[in-house]
mmCIF file of all heavy atoms, coordinates in Angstrom:
data_MODEL
# 
_entry.id   MODEL 
# 
loop_
_atom_site.group_PDB 
_atom_site.id 
_atom_site.type_symbol 
_atom_site.label_atom_id 
_atom_site.label_alt_id 
_atom_site.label_comp_id 
_atom_site.label_asym_id 
_atom_site.label_entity_id 
_atom_site.label_seq_id 
_atom_site.pdbx_PDB_ins_code 
_atom_site.Cartn_x 
_atom_site.Cartn_y 
_atom_site.Cartn_z 
_atom_site.occupancy 
_atom_site.B_iso_or_equiv 
_atom_site.pdbx_formal_charge 
_atom_site.auth_seq_id 
_atom_site.auth_comp_id 
_atom_site.auth_asym_id 
_atom_site.auth_atom_id 
_atom_site.pdbx_PDB_model_num 
ATOM 1   N N   . GLY A 1 1  ? 25.855 16.393 -1.398  1.00 0.00 ? 1  GLY A N   1 
ATOM 2   C CA  . GLY A 1 1  ? 25.528 17.409 -2.420  1.00 0.00 ? 1  GLY A CA  1 
ATOM 3   C C   . GLY A 1 1  ? 24.474 17.002 -3.308  1.00 0.00 ? 1  GLY A C   1 
ATOM 4   O O   . GLY A 1 1  ? 23.521 17.808 -3.505  1.00 0.00 ? 1  GLY A O   1 
ATOM 5   N N   . VAL A 1 2  ? 24.449 15.812 -3.756  1.00 0.00 ? 2  VAL A N   1 
ATOM 6   C CA  . VAL A 1 2  ? 23.323 15.206 -4.545  1.00 0.00 ? 2  VAL A CA  1 
ATOM 7   C C   . VAL A 1 2  ? 22.089 15.199 -3.819  1.00 0.00 ? 2  VAL A C   1 
ATOM 8   O O   . VAL A 1 2  ? 21.042 15.530 -4.347  1.00 0.00 ? 2  VAL A O   1 
ATOM 9   C CB  . VAL A 1 2  ? 23.763 13.800 -5.150  1.00 0.00 ? 2  VAL A CB  1 
ATOM 10  C CG1 . VAL A 1 2  ? 22.557 13.278 -5.943  1.00 0.00 ? 2  VAL A CG1 1 
ATOM 11  C CG2 . VAL A 1 2  ? 24.933 13.912 -6.038  1.00 0.00 ? 2  VAL A CG2 1 
ATOM 12  N N   . ASN A 1 3  ? 22.208 14.792 -2.551  1.00 0.00 ? 3  ASN A N   1 
ATOM 13  C CA  . ASN A 1 3  ? 20.990 14.712 -1.678  1.00 0.00 ? 3  ASN A CA  1 
ATOM 14  C C   . ASN A 1 3  ? 20.313 15.951 -1.555  1.00 0.00 ? 3  ASN A C   1 
ATOM 15  O O   . ASN A 1 3  ? 19.138 16.127 -1.682  1.00 0.00 ? 3  ASN A O   1 
ATOM 16  C CB  . ASN A 1 3  ? 21.451 14.113 -0.384  1.00 0.00 ? 3  ASN A CB  1 
ATOM 17  C CG  . ASN A 1 3  ? 20.379 14.295 0.715   1.00 0.00 ? 3  ASN A CG  1 
ATOM 18  O OD1 . ASN A 1 3  ? 19.245 13.738 0.572   1.00 0.00 ? 3  ASN A OD1 1 
ATOM 19  N ND2 . ASN A 1 3  ? 20.635 15.012 1.685   1.00 0.00 ? 3  ASN A ND2 1 
ATOM 20  N N   . GLU A 1 4  ? 21.157 17.057 -1.264  1.00 0.00 ? 4  GLU A N   1 
ATOM 21  C CA  . GLU A 1 4  ? 20.531 18.381 -1.010  1.00 0.00 ? 4  GLU A CA  1 
ATOM 22  C C   . GLU A 1 4  ? 19.913 19.055 -2.347  1.00 0.00 ? 4  GLU A C   1 
ATOM 23  O O   . GLU A 1 4  ? 18.819 19.492 -2.287  1.00 0.00 ? 4  GLU A O   1 
ATOM 24  C CB  . GLU A 1 4  ? 21.661 19.359 -0.515  1.00 0.00 ? 4  GLU A CB  1 
ATOM 25  C CG  . GLU A 1 4  ? 21.068 20.748 -0.230  1.00 0.00 ? 4  GLU A CG  1 
ATOM 26  C CD  . GLU A 1 4  ? 22.092 21.658 0.345   1.00 0.00 ? 4  GLU A CD  1 
ATOM 27  O OE1 . GLU A 1 4  ? 23.307 21.248 0.624   1.00 0.00 ? 4  GLU A OE1 1 
ATOM 28  O OE2 . GLU A 1 4  ? 21.790 22.901 0.584   1.00 0.00 ? 4  GLU A OE2 1 
ATOM 29  N N   . PHE A 1 5  ? 20.561 18.686 -3.499  1.00 0.00 ? 5  PHE A N   1 
ATOM 30  C CA  . PHE A 1 5  ? 19.924 19.074 -4.676  1.00 0.00 ? 5  PHE A CA  1 
ATOM 31  C C   . PHE A 1 5  ? 18.620 18.476 -4.941  1.00 0.00 ? 5  PHE A C   1 
ATOM 32  O O   . PHE A 1 5  ? 17.678 19.133 -5.410  1.00 0.00 ? 5  PHE A O   1 
ATOM 33  C CB  . PHE A 1 5  ? 20.809 18.801 -5.870  1.00 0.00 ? 5  PHE A CB  1 
ATOM 34  C CG  . PHE A 1 5  ? 20.293 19.051 -7.196  1.00 0.00 ? 5  PHE A CG  1 
ATOM 35  C CD1 . PHE A 1 5  ? 20.317 20.297 -7.713  1.00 0.00 ? 5  PHE A CD1 1 
ATOM 36  C CD2 . PHE A 1 5  ? 19.688 18.042 -7.956  1.00 0.00 ? 5  PHE A CD2 1 
ATOM 37  C CE1 . PHE A 1 5  ? 19.699 20.628 -9.045  1.00 0.00 ? 5  PHE A CE1 1 
ATOM 38  C CE2 . PHE A 1 5  ? 19.103 18.270 -9.136  1.00 0.00 ? 5  PHE A CE2 1 
ATOM 39  C CZ  . PHE A 1 5  ? 19.135 19.575 -9.680  1.00 0.00 ? 5  PHE A CZ  1 
ATOM 40  N N   . LEU A 1 6  ? 18.494 17.222 -4.694  1.00 0.00 ? 6  LEU A N   1 
ATOM 41  C CA  . LEU A 1 6  ? 17.244 16.426 -4.947  1.00 0.00 ? 6  LEU A CA  1 
ATOM 42  C C   . LEU A 1 6  ? 16.114 16.982 -4.033  1.00 0.00 ? 6  LEU A C   1 
ATOM 43  O O   . LEU A 1 6  ? 15.034 17.244 -4.569  1.00 0.00 ? 6  LEU A O   1 
ATOM 44  C CB  . LEU A 1 6  ? 17.480 15.013 -4.666  1.00 0.00 ? 6  LEU A CB  1 
ATOM 45  C CG  . LEU A 1 6  ? 18.332 14.189 -5.719  1.00 0.00 ? 6  LEU A CG  1 
ATOM 46  C CD1 . LEU A 1 6  ? 18.528 12.790 -5.345  1.00 0.00 ? 6  LEU A CD1 1 
ATOM 47  C CD2 . LEU A 1 6  ? 17.598 14.276 -7.140  1.00 0.00 ? 6  LEU A CD2 1 
ATOM 48  N N   . TRP A 1 7  ? 16.280 17.014 -2.829  1.00 0.00 ? 7  TRP A N   1 
ATOM 49  C CA  . TRP A 1 7  ? 15.209 17.388 -1.973  1.00 0.00 ? 7  TRP A CA  1 
ATOM 50  C C   . TRP A 1 7  ? 14.890 18.920 -2.023  1.00 0.00 ? 7  TRP A C   1 
ATOM 51  O O   . TRP A 1 7  ? 13.691 19.280 -1.849  1.00 0.00 ? 7  TRP A O   1 
ATOM 52  C CB  . TRP A 1 7  ? 15.345 16.942 -0.440  1.00 0.00 ? 7  TRP A CB  1 
ATOM 53  C CG  . TRP A 1 7  ? 16.396 17.574 0.407   1.00 0.00 ? 7  TRP A CG  1 
ATOM 54  C CD1 . TRP A 1 7  ? 17.548 16.935 0.745   1.00 0.00 ? 7  TRP A CD1 1 
ATOM 55  C CD2 . TRP A 1 7  ? 16.369 18.822 0.961   1.00 0.00 ? 7  TRP A CD2 1 
ATOM 56  N NE1 . TRP A 1 7  ? 18.271 17.836 1.596   1.00 0.00 ? 7  TRP A NE1 1 
ATOM 57  C CE2 . TRP A 1 7  ? 17.615 18.970 1.824   1.00 0.00 ? 7  TRP A CE2 1 
ATOM 58  C CE3 . TRP A 1 7  ? 15.565 19.995 1.015   1.00 0.00 ? 7  TRP A CE3 1 
ATOM 59  C CZ2 . TRP A 1 7  ? 17.859 20.055 2.573   1.00 0.00 ? 7  TRP A CZ2 1 
ATOM 60  C CZ3 . TRP A 1 7  ? 15.817 21.032 1.785   1.00 0.00 ? 7  TRP A CZ3 1 
ATOM 61  C CH2 . TRP A 1 7  ? 17.042 21.094 2.524   1.00 0.00 ? 7  TRP A CH2 1 
ATOM 62  N N   . THR A 1 8  ? 15.903 19.720 -2.334  1.00 0.00 ? 8  THR A N   1 
ATOM 63  C CA  . THR A 1 8  ? 15.548 21.157 -2.570  1.00 0.00 ? 8  THR A CA  1 
ATOM 64  C C   . THR A 1 8  ? 14.841 21.431 -3.837  1.00 0.00 ? 8  THR A C   1 
ATOM 65  O O   . THR A 1 8  ? 13.918 22.257 -3.833  1.00 0.00 ? 8  THR A O   1 
ATOM 66  C CB  . THR A 1 8  ? 16.896 21.958 -2.503  1.00 0.00 ? 8  THR A CB  1 
ATOM 67  O OG1 . THR A 1 8  ? 17.556 21.738 -1.256  1.00 0.00 ? 8  THR A OG1 1 
ATOM 68  C CG2 . THR A 1 8  ? 16.621 23.421 -2.609  1.00 0.00 ? 8  THR A CG2 1 
ATOM 69  N N   . ASN A 1 9  ? 15.309 20.819 -4.953  1.00 0.00 ? 9  ASN A N   1 
ATOM 70  C CA  . ASN A 1 9  ? 14.691 21.208 -6.218  1.00 0.00 ? 9  ASN A CA  1 
ATOM 71  C C   . ASN A 1 9  ? 13.714 20.237 -6.707  1.00 0.00 ? 9  ASN A C   1 
ATOM 72  O O   . ASN A 1 9  ? 12.810 20.629 -7.549  1.00 0.00 ? 9  ASN A O   1 
ATOM 73  C CB  . ASN A 1 9  ? 15.900 21.234 -7.236  1.00 0.00 ? 9  ASN A CB  1 
ATOM 74  C CG  . ASN A 1 9  ? 16.890 22.325 -6.911  1.00 0.00 ? 9  ASN A CG  1 
ATOM 75  O OD1 . ASN A 1 9  ? 16.548 23.492 -7.148  1.00 0.00 ? 9  ASN A OD1 1 
ATOM 76  N ND2 . ASN A 1 9  ? 17.992 21.917 -6.361  1.00 0.00 ? 9  ASN A ND2 1 
ATOM 77  N N   . LEU A 1 10 ? 13.707 19.003 -6.266  1.00 0.00 ? 10 LEU A N   1 
ATOM 78  C CA  . LEU A 1 10 ? 12.655 18.027 -6.759  1.00 0.00 ? 10 LEU A CA  1 
ATOM 79  C C   . LEU A 1 10 ? 11.797 17.454 -5.626  1.00 0.00 ? 10 LEU A C   1 
ATOM 80  O O   . LEU A 1 10 ? 11.132 16.492 -5.852  1.00 0.00 ? 10 LEU A O   1 
ATOM 81  C CB  . LEU A 1 10 ? 13.438 16.900 -7.513  1.00 0.00 ? 10 LEU A CB  1 
ATOM 82  C CG  . LEU A 1 10 ? 14.260 17.321 -8.750  1.00 0.00 ? 10 LEU A CG  1 
ATOM 83  C CD1 . LEU A 1 10 ? 14.937 16.061 -9.322  1.00 0.00 ? 10 LEU A CD1 1 
ATOM 84  C CD2 . LEU A 1 10 ? 13.250 17.797 -9.863  1.00 0.00 ? 10 LEU A CD2 1 
ATOM 85  N N   . GLY A 1 11 ? 11.812 18.039 -4.505  1.00 0.00 ? 11 GLY A N   1 
ATOM 86  C CA  . GLY A 1 11 ? 11.034 17.525 -3.437  1.00 0.00 ? 11 GLY A CA  1 
ATOM 87  C C   . GLY A 1 11 ? 9.599  17.482 -3.728  1.00 0.00 ? 11 GLY A C   1 
ATOM 88  O O   . GLY A 1 11 ? 8.860  16.585 -3.369  1.00 0.00 ? 11 GLY A O   1 
ATOM 89  N N   . TRP A 1 12 ? 9.113  18.513 -4.455  1.00 0.00 ? 12 TRP A N   1 
ATOM 90  C CA  . TRP A 1 12 ? 7.724  18.559 -4.843  1.00 0.00 ? 12 TRP A CA  1 
ATOM 91  C C   . TRP A 1 12 ? 7.349  17.338 -5.670  1.00 0.00 ? 12 TRP A C   1 
ATOM 92  O O   . TRP A 1 12 ? 6.150  16.804 -5.524  1.00 0.00 ? 12 TRP A O   1 
ATOM 93  C CB  . TRP A 1 12 ? 7.390  19.812 -5.667  1.00 0.00 ? 12 TRP A CB  1 
ATOM 94  C CG  . TRP A 1 12 ? 8.299  19.950 -6.931  1.00 0.00 ? 12 TRP A CG  1 
ATOM 95  C CD1 . TRP A 1 12 ? 9.500  20.510 -7.011  1.00 0.00 ? 12 TRP A CD1 1 
ATOM 96  C CD2 . TRP A 1 12 ? 8.099  19.305 -8.235  1.00 0.00 ? 12 TRP A CD2 1 
ATOM 97  N NE1 . TRP A 1 12 ? 10.003 20.440 -8.268  1.00 0.00 ? 12 TRP A NE1 1 
ATOM 98  C CE2 . TRP A 1 12 ? 9.124  19.651 -9.040  1.00 0.00 ? 12 TRP A CE2 1 
ATOM 99  C CE3 . TRP A 1 12 ? 7.042  18.640 -8.761  1.00 0.00 ? 12 TRP A CE3 1 
ATOM 100 C CZ2 . TRP A 1 12 ? 9.287  19.246 -10.344 1.00 0.00 ? 12 TRP A CZ2 1 
ATOM 101 C CZ3 . TRP A 1 12 ? 7.144  18.183 -10.097 1.00 0.00 ? 12 TRP A CZ3 1 
ATOM 102 C CH2 . TRP A 1 12 ? 8.201  18.592 -10.903 1.00 0.00 ? 12 TRP A CH2 1 
ATOM 103 N N   . ALA A 1 13 ? 8.239  16.726 -6.364  1.00 0.00 ? 13 ALA A N   1 
ATOM 104 C CA  . ALA A 1 13 ? 7.895  15.595 -7.288  1.00 0.00 ? 13 ALA A CA  1 
ATOM 105 C C   . ALA A 1 13 ? 7.681  14.361 -6.419  1.00 0.00 ? 13 ALA A C   1 
ATOM 106 O O   . ALA A 1 13 ? 6.742  13.572 -6.625  1.00 0.00 ? 13 ALA A O   1 
ATOM 107 C CB  . ALA A 1 13 ? 8.951  15.340 -8.272  1.00 0.00 ? 13 ALA A CB  1 
ATOM 108 N N   . TYR A 1 14 ? 8.447  14.184 -5.359  1.00 0.00 ? 14 TYR A N   1 
ATOM 109 C CA  . TYR A 1 14 ? 8.315  13.122 -4.417  1.00 0.00 ? 14 TYR A CA  1 
ATOM 110 C C   . TYR A 1 14 ? 6.907  13.161 -3.795  1.00 0.00 ? 14 TYR A C   1 
ATOM 111 O O   . TYR A 1 14 ? 6.244  12.191 -3.705  1.00 0.00 ? 14 TYR A O   1 
ATOM 112 C CB  . TYR A 1 14 ? 9.382  13.177 -3.354  1.00 0.00 ? 14 TYR A CB  1 
ATOM 113 C CG  . TYR A 1 14 ? 10.782 12.815 -3.727  1.00 0.00 ? 14 TYR A CG  1 
ATOM 114 C CD1 . TYR A 1 14 ? 11.628 13.737 -4.307  1.00 0.00 ? 14 TYR A CD1 1 
ATOM 115 C CD2 . TYR A 1 14 ? 11.296 11.473 -3.469  1.00 0.00 ? 14 TYR A CD2 1 
ATOM 116 C CE1 . TYR A 1 14 ? 12.918 13.473 -4.660  1.00 0.00 ? 14 TYR A CE1 1 
ATOM 117 C CE2 . TYR A 1 14 ? 12.550 11.175 -3.834  1.00 0.00 ? 14 TYR A CE2 1 
ATOM 118 C CZ  . TYR A 1 14 ? 13.355 12.194 -4.371  1.00 0.00 ? 14 TYR A CZ  1 
ATOM 119 O OH  . TYR A 1 14 ? 14.678 11.874 -4.790  1.00 0.00 ? 14 TYR A OH  1 
ATOM 120 N N   . LEU A 1 15 ? 6.440  14.359 -3.370  1.00 0.00 ? 15 LEU A N   1 
ATOM 121 C CA  . LEU A 1 15 ? 5.156  14.563 -2.804  1.00 0.00 ? 15 LEU A CA  1 
ATOM 122 C C   . LEU A 1 15 ? 4.049  14.254 -3.775  1.00 0.00 ? 15 LEU A C   1 
ATOM 123 O O   . LEU A 1 15 ? 3.032  13.597 -3.346  1.00 0.00 ? 15 LEU A O   1 
ATOM 124 C CB  . LEU A 1 15 ? 5.058  16.008 -2.313  1.00 0.00 ? 15 LEU A CB  1 
ATOM 125 C CG  . LEU A 1 15 ? 6.068  16.531 -1.249  1.00 0.00 ? 15 LEU A CG  1 
ATOM 126 C CD1 . LEU A 1 15 ? 5.770  17.934 -0.959  1.00 0.00 ? 15 LEU A CD1 1 
ATOM 127 C CD2 . LEU A 1 15 ? 5.994  15.674 0.023   1.00 0.00 ? 15 LEU A CD2 1 
ATOM 128 N N   . LEU A 1 16 ? 4.148  14.680 -5.021  1.00 0.00 ? 16 LEU A N   1 
ATOM 129 C CA  . LEU A 1 16 ? 3.077  14.535 -6.009  1.00 0.00 ? 16 LEU A CA  1 
ATOM 130 C C   . LEU A 1 16 ? 2.957  12.946 -6.350  1.00 0.00 ? 16 LEU A C   1 
ATOM 131 O O   . LEU A 1 16 ? 1.842  12.455 -6.414  1.00 0.00 ? 16 LEU A O   1 
ATOM 132 C CB  . LEU A 1 16 ? 3.389  15.338 -7.318  1.00 0.00 ? 16 LEU A CB  1 
ATOM 133 C CG  . LEU A 1 16 ? 3.132  16.791 -7.261  1.00 0.00 ? 16 LEU A CG  1 
ATOM 134 C CD1 . LEU A 1 16 ? 3.573  17.495 -8.428  1.00 0.00 ? 16 LEU A CD1 1 
ATOM 135 C CD2 . LEU A 1 16 ? 1.717  17.047 -6.837  1.00 0.00 ? 16 LEU A CD2 1 
ATOM 136 N N   . VAL A 1 17 ? 4.050  12.362 -6.487  1.00 0.00 ? 17 VAL A N   1 
ATOM 137 C CA  . VAL A 1 17 ? 4.061  10.944 -6.889  1.00 0.00 ? 17 VAL A CA  1 
ATOM 138 C C   . VAL A 1 17 ? 3.393  10.060 -5.681  1.00 0.00 ? 17 VAL A C   1 
ATOM 139 O O   . VAL A 1 17 ? 2.538  9.267  -5.871  1.00 0.00 ? 17 VAL A O   1 
ATOM 140 C CB  . VAL A 1 17 ? 5.471  10.335 -7.147  1.00 0.00 ? 17 VAL A CB  1 
ATOM 141 C CG1 . VAL A 1 17 ? 5.430  8.780  -7.295  1.00 0.00 ? 17 VAL A CG1 1 
ATOM 142 C CG2 . VAL A 1 17 ? 6.004  11.038 -8.383  1.00 0.00 ? 17 VAL A CG2 1 
ATOM 143 N N   . MET A 1 18 ? 3.798  10.398 -4.479  1.00 0.00 ? 18 MET A N   1 
ATOM 144 C CA  . MET A 1 18 ? 3.303  9.590  -3.366  1.00 0.00 ? 18 MET A CA  1 
ATOM 145 C C   . MET A 1 18 ? 1.739  9.893  -3.208  1.00 0.00 ? 18 MET A C   1 
ATOM 146 O O   . MET A 1 18 ? 1.018  8.908  -2.943  1.00 0.00 ? 18 MET A O   1 
ATOM 147 C CB  . MET A 1 18 ? 3.937  9.997  -2.065  1.00 0.00 ? 18 MET A CB  1 
ATOM 148 C CG  . MET A 1 18 ? 3.630  9.087  -0.850  1.00 0.00 ? 18 MET A CG  1 
ATOM 149 S SD  . MET A 1 18 ? 4.014  7.355  -1.079  1.00 0.00 ? 18 MET A SD  1 
ATOM 150 C CE  . MET A 1 18 ? 5.712  7.407  -0.525  1.00 0.00 ? 18 MET A CE  1 
ATOM 151 N N   . PHE A 1 19 ? 1.309  11.057 -3.337  1.00 0.00 ? 19 PHE A N   1 
ATOM 152 C CA  . PHE A 1 19 ? -0.144 11.366 -3.291  1.00 0.00 ? 19 PHE A CA  1 
ATOM 153 C C   . PHE A 1 19 ? -0.895 10.651 -4.341  1.00 0.00 ? 19 PHE A C   1 
ATOM 154 O O   . PHE A 1 19 ? -1.988 10.021 -4.122  1.00 0.00 ? 19 PHE A O   1 
ATOM 155 C CB  . PHE A 1 19 ? -0.414 12.853 -3.323  1.00 0.00 ? 19 PHE A CB  1 
ATOM 156 C CG  . PHE A 1 19 ? -1.935 13.136 -3.079  1.00 0.00 ? 19 PHE A CG  1 
ATOM 157 C CD1 . PHE A 1 19 ? -2.385 13.157 -1.803  1.00 0.00 ? 19 PHE A CD1 1 
ATOM 158 C CD2 . PHE A 1 19 ? -2.717 13.454 -4.134  1.00 0.00 ? 19 PHE A CD2 1 
ATOM 159 C CE1 . PHE A 1 19 ? -3.760 13.450 -1.603  1.00 0.00 ? 19 PHE A CE1 1 
ATOM 160 C CE2 . PHE A 1 19 ? -4.025 13.765 -3.989  1.00 0.00 ? 19 PHE A CE2 1 
ATOM 161 C CZ  . PHE A 1 19 ? -4.638 13.780 -2.670  1.00 0.00 ? 19 PHE A CZ  1 
ATOM 162 N N   . THR A 1 20 ? -0.397 10.518 -5.500  1.00 0.00 ? 20 THR A N   1 
ATOM 163 C CA  . THR A 1 20 ? -0.927 9.884  -6.642  1.00 0.00 ? 20 THR A CA  1 
ATOM 164 C C   . THR A 1 20 ? -1.070 8.343  -6.281  1.00 0.00 ? 20 THR A C   1 
ATOM 165 O O   . THR A 1 20 ? -2.176 7.692  -6.600  1.00 0.00 ? 20 THR A O   1 
ATOM 166 C CB  . THR A 1 20 ? -0.114 10.054 -7.938  1.00 0.00 ? 20 THR A CB  1 
ATOM 167 O OG1 . THR A 1 20 ? -0.055 11.370 -8.224  1.00 0.00 ? 20 THR A OG1 1 
ATOM 168 C CG2 . THR A 1 20 ? -0.706 9.253  -9.084  1.00 0.00 ? 20 THR A CG2 1 
ATOM 169 N N   . LEU A 1 21 ? -0.065 7.806  -5.725  1.00 0.00 ? 21 LEU A N   1 
ATOM 170 C CA  . LEU A 1 21 ? -0.069 6.357  -5.385  1.00 0.00 ? 21 LEU A CA  1 
ATOM 171 C C   . LEU A 1 21 ? -1.224 6.085  -4.318  1.00 0.00 ? 21 LEU A C   1 
ATOM 172 O O   . LEU A 1 21 ? -1.903 5.077  -4.357  1.00 0.00 ? 21 LEU A O   1 
ATOM 173 C CB  . LEU A 1 21 ? 1.182  5.887  -4.860  1.00 0.00 ? 21 LEU A CB  1 
ATOM 174 C CG  . LEU A 1 21 ? 2.427  6.009  -5.801  1.00 0.00 ? 21 LEU A CG  1 
ATOM 175 C CD1 . LEU A 1 21 ? 3.648  5.429  -5.067  1.00 0.00 ? 21 LEU A CD1 1 
ATOM 176 C CD2 . LEU A 1 21 ? 2.243  5.346  -7.125  1.00 0.00 ? 21 LEU A CD2 1 
ATOM 177 N N   . VAL A 1 22 ? -1.317 7.061  -3.379  1.00 0.00 ? 22 VAL A N   1 
ATOM 178 C CA  . VAL A 1 22 ? -2.305 6.781  -2.270  1.00 0.00 ? 22 VAL A CA  1 
ATOM 179 C C   . VAL A 1 22 ? -3.713 6.711  -2.954  1.00 0.00 ? 22 VAL A C   1 
ATOM 180 O O   . VAL A 1 22 ? -4.571 5.947  -2.611  1.00 0.00 ? 22 VAL A O   1 
ATOM 181 C CB  . VAL A 1 22 ? -2.263 7.848  -1.232  1.00 0.00 ? 22 VAL A CB  1 
ATOM 182 C CG1 . VAL A 1 22 ? -3.434 7.741  -0.308  1.00 0.00 ? 22 VAL A CG1 1 
ATOM 183 C CG2 . VAL A 1 22 ? -0.888 7.738  -0.478  1.00 0.00 ? 22 VAL A CG2 1 
ATOM 184 N N   . MET A 1 23 ? -4.023 7.699  -3.835  1.00 0.00 ? 23 MET A N   1 
ATOM 185 C CA  . MET A 1 23 ? -5.346 7.888  -4.462  1.00 0.00 ? 23 MET A CA  1 
ATOM 186 C C   . MET A 1 23 ? -5.603 6.501  -5.278  1.00 0.00 ? 23 MET A C   1 
ATOM 187 O O   . MET A 1 23 ? -6.719 6.038  -5.306  1.00 0.00 ? 23 MET A O   1 
ATOM 188 C CB  . MET A 1 23 ? -5.384 9.066  -5.275  1.00 0.00 ? 23 MET A CB  1 
ATOM 189 C CG  . MET A 1 23 ? -5.345 10.381 -4.519  1.00 0.00 ? 23 MET A CG  1 
ATOM 190 S SD  . MET A 1 23 ? -6.719 10.588 -3.393  1.00 0.00 ? 23 MET A SD  1 
ATOM 191 C CE  . MET A 1 23 ? -5.915 10.182 -1.876  1.00 0.00 ? 23 MET A CE  1 
ATOM 192 N N   . PHE A 1 24 ? -4.546 6.044  -5.958  1.00 0.00 ? 24 PHE A N   1 
ATOM 193 C CA  . PHE A 1 24 ? -4.764 4.900  -6.768  1.00 0.00 ? 24 PHE A CA  1 
ATOM 194 C C   . PHE A 1 24 ? -5.128 3.662  -6.000  1.00 0.00 ? 24 PHE A C   1 
ATOM 195 O O   . PHE A 1 24 ? -6.010 2.879  -6.305  1.00 0.00 ? 24 PHE A O   1 
ATOM 196 C CB  . PHE A 1 24 ? -3.549 4.655  -7.682  1.00 0.00 ? 24 PHE A CB  1 
ATOM 197 C CG  . PHE A 1 24 ? -3.734 3.521  -8.589  1.00 0.00 ? 24 PHE A CG  1 
ATOM 198 C CD1 . PHE A 1 24 ? -4.512 3.606  -9.640  1.00 0.00 ? 24 PHE A CD1 1 
ATOM 199 C CD2 . PHE A 1 24 ? -3.037 2.222  -8.385  1.00 0.00 ? 24 PHE A CD2 1 
ATOM 200 C CE1 . PHE A 1 24 ? -4.718 2.510  -10.613 1.00 0.00 ? 24 PHE A CE1 1 
ATOM 201 C CE2 . PHE A 1 24 ? -3.248 1.156  -9.204  1.00 0.00 ? 24 PHE A CE2 1 
ATOM 202 C CZ  . PHE A 1 24 ? -4.055 1.306  -10.289 1.00 0.00 ? 24 PHE A CZ  1 
ATOM 203 N N   . VAL A 1 25 ? -4.404 3.519  -4.780  1.00 0.00 ? 25 VAL A N   1 
ATOM 204 C CA  . VAL A 1 25 ? -4.624 2.248  -3.994  1.00 0.00 ? 25 VAL A CA  1 
ATOM 205 C C   . VAL A 1 25 ? -6.051 2.408  -3.346  1.00 0.00 ? 25 VAL A C   1 
ATOM 206 O O   . VAL A 1 25 ? -6.675 1.334  -3.203  1.00 0.00 ? 25 VAL A O   1 
ATOM 207 C CB  . VAL A 1 25 ? -3.576 2.215  -2.838  1.00 0.00 ? 25 VAL A CB  1 
ATOM 208 C CG1 . VAL A 1 25 ? -3.999 1.313  -1.735  1.00 0.00 ? 25 VAL A CG1 1 
ATOM 209 C CG2 . VAL A 1 25 ? -2.240 1.817  -3.365  1.00 0.00 ? 25 VAL A CG2 1 
# 
C-alpha cells in the first residue's frame, strides 16, 4: 500500500531528482 501510494503520487519527484543529479554530474 505504501509502495503504490509513493509511485502513483510522488513518482514525478523521483524523476525530477534523478534528472537534476545527472545534469550536476
